[in-house]
């Protein structure tokens, strides 16, 4: 079974963002990969919770294992990734999407945006009608 060892290079170890980057890369590999540390059994590299449970800090040696077609390439890729300081790298951002402005249909009884809202006649308060006439 092909194996690779690597030293965790991220300042925070395989925690939060670096672990998420590693797990995403492991999930993209064509073969299942496990990762382990001294004293802990190997865990699936595609599981964020499992990787976090290793508690691998900066400088921790990890062992990666895989079997199947493409195992060597997968291990090389992941070992190189673990060794980098993933905290120091800028996160990738997607190109901003340009969406057409959304126009929502008005609810029943509401005027359309281009239609001016007509003022509704006010009901007169009791007693003011006769006071205006008598006045």
Protein backbone atom coordinates (compact mmCIF):
# COMPACT_ATOMS: atom_id res chain seq x y z
CA UNK A 1 0.00 0.00 0.00
CA UNK A 2 1.55 3.34 -1.02
CA UNK A 3 2.20 5.74 1.86
CA UNK A 4 3.62 9.24 2.28
CA UNK A 5 4.64 11.13 5.37
CA UNK A 6 4.47 14.88 5.64
CA UNK A 7 4.91 17.53 8.30
CA UNK A 8 1.89 19.81 8.82
CA UNK A 9 2.99 23.26 7.67
CA UNK A 10 -0.03 25.38 8.58
CA UNK A 11 0.40 27.61 11.64
CA UNK A 12 -2.91 26.43 13.07
CA UNK A 13 -2.29 22.82 12.07
CA UNK A 14 -5.04 20.88 10.34
CA UNK A 15 -7.75 22.98 11.92
CA UNK A 16 -10.66 24.92 10.40
CA UNK A 17 -9.67 26.41 7.04
CA UNK A 18 -6.53 24.31 6.39
CA UNK A 19 -8.44 21.12 7.22
CA UNK A 20 -11.30 22.14 4.94
CA UNK A 21 -8.85 22.79 2.08
CA UNK A 22 -7.17 19.42 2.68
CA UNK A 23 -10.48 17.53 2.83
CA UNK A 24 -11.70 19.19 -0.38
CA UNK A 25 -8.48 18.13 -2.13
CA UNK A 26 -8.75 14.59 -0.72
CA UNK A 27 -12.36 14.38 -1.89
CA UNK A 28 -11.27 15.32 -5.41
CA UNK A 29 -8.84 12.38 -5.61
CA UNK A 30 -9.82 9.29 -7.60
CA UNK A 31 -8.96 6.97 -4.70
CA UNK A 32 -9.87 6.93 -1.01
CA UNK A 33 -7.07 8.25 1.20
CA UNK A 34 -6.52 7.92 4.94
CA UNK A 35 -4.53 10.22 7.19
CA UNK A 36 -3.11 9.35 10.58
CA UNK A 37 -0.77 10.63 13.26
CA UNK A 38 1.39 8.80 15.77
CA UNK A 39 -0.77 7.21 18.41
CA UNK A 40 -4.05 7.62 16.52
CA UNK A 41 -5.54 5.26 13.95
CA UNK A 42 -5.86 6.52 10.36
CA UNK A 43 -9.09 8.28 9.46
CA UNK A 44 -10.75 8.97 6.08
CA UNK A 45 -9.16 12.07 4.55
CA UNK A 46 -12.52 12.96 2.95
CA UNK A 47 -14.14 13.52 6.36
CA UNK A 48 -13.67 16.97 7.88
CA UNK A 49 -14.69 15.83 11.36
CA UNK A 50 -12.31 12.87 11.20
CA UNK A 51 -9.40 15.06 10.08
CA UNK A 52 -10.15 17.60 12.81
CA UNK A 53 -10.28 14.79 15.40
CA UNK A 54 -6.60 14.04 14.76
CA UNK A 55 -5.64 17.30 16.46
CA UNK A 56 -2.67 17.68 14.11
CA UNK A 57 -0.82 20.88 15.02
CA UNK A 58 1.91 22.68 13.10
CA UNK A 59 4.95 20.39 12.93
CA UNK A 60 2.97 17.17 13.45
CA UNK A 61 4.02 14.30 11.21
CA UNK A 62 1.11 12.69 9.39
CA UNK A 63 0.98 9.50 7.36
CA UNK A 64 -1.14 9.32 4.22
CA UNK A 65 -2.17 5.98 2.70
CA UNK A 66 -4.13 5.04 -0.40
CA UNK A 67 -4.73 2.09 -2.69
CA UNK A 68 -5.86 1.81 -6.28
CA UNK A 69 -5.10 3.39 -9.61
CA UNK A 70 -3.78 6.90 -9.08
CA UNK A 71 -2.82 6.34 -5.42
CA UNK A 72 0.75 7.57 -5.87
CA UNK A 73 -0.31 10.78 -7.61
CA UNK A 74 -3.04 11.39 -5.02
CA UNK A 75 -0.60 10.92 -2.15
CA UNK A 76 2.00 13.20 -3.75
CA UNK A 77 -0.62 15.93 -4.20
CA UNK A 78 -1.96 15.66 -0.66
CA UNK A 79 1.47 15.38 1.00
CA UNK A 80 2.57 18.57 -0.77
CA UNK A 81 -0.64 20.29 0.33
CA UNK A 82 -0.26 19.27 4.00
CA UNK A 83 3.30 20.60 4.05
CA UNK A 84 2.26 24.10 2.89
CA UNK A 85 1.15 26.88 5.22
CA UNK A 86 -2.46 26.99 4.07
CA UNK A 87 -3.20 29.81 6.54
CA UNK A 88 -0.78 32.12 4.73
CA UNK A 89 -2.38 31.61 1.34
CA UNK A 90 -5.15 33.82 0.07
CA UNK A 91 -8.45 31.99 -0.25
CA UNK A 92 -9.69 31.53 -3.78
CA UNK A 93 -12.67 33.60 -4.66
CA UNK A 94 -15.02 32.97 -7.50
CA UNK A 95 -15.55 35.56 -10.15
CA UNK A 96 -18.50 37.75 -9.18
CA UNK A 97 -21.64 36.64 -10.89
CA UNK A 98 -23.60 39.19 -12.81
CA UNK A 99 -27.27 38.56 -12.39
CA UNK A 100 -30.13 40.27 -14.07
CA UNK A 101 -32.05 42.49 -11.67
CA UNK A 102 -34.95 40.57 -10.28
CA UNK A 103 -38.37 42.03 -10.71
CA UNK A 104 -40.92 40.57 -8.43
CA UNK A 105 -44.55 40.46 -9.29
CA UNK A 106 -46.66 42.49 -6.87
CA UNK A 107 -48.94 40.69 -4.49
CA UNK A 108 -52.64 40.72 -5.21
CA UNK A 109 -54.08 44.17 -4.58
CA UNK A 110 -50.72 45.96 -4.62
CA UNK A 111 -49.92 48.40 -7.42
CA UNK A 112 -47.03 47.69 -9.80
CA UNK A 113 -43.86 49.69 -9.24
CA UNK A 114 -44.51 51.87 -12.29
CA UNK A 115 -48.09 52.57 -11.26
CA UNK A 116 -48.55 55.44 -8.81
CA UNK A 117 -50.48 54.46 -5.74
CA UNK A 118 -53.81 56.23 -5.64
CA UNK A 119 -54.78 57.76 -2.34
CA UNK A 120 -57.62 55.99 -0.71
CA UNK A 121 -60.52 58.16 0.49
CA UNK A 122 -60.48 58.62 4.21
CA UNK A 123 -63.47 57.73 6.26
CA UNK A 124 -64.69 60.69 8.22
CA UNK A 125 -64.62 60.48 11.94
CA UNK A 126 -68.00 60.23 13.61
CA UNK A 127 -69.41 63.63 14.44
CA UNK A 128 -67.24 65.60 11.98
CA UNK A 129 -69.66 65.23 9.08
CA UNK A 130 -72.50 67.03 10.79
CA UNK A 131 -70.14 69.60 12.28
CA UNK A 132 -68.86 70.51 8.80
CA UNK A 133 -72.39 70.90 7.47
CA UNK A 134 -73.64 72.84 10.46
CA UNK A 135 -70.59 74.93 10.66
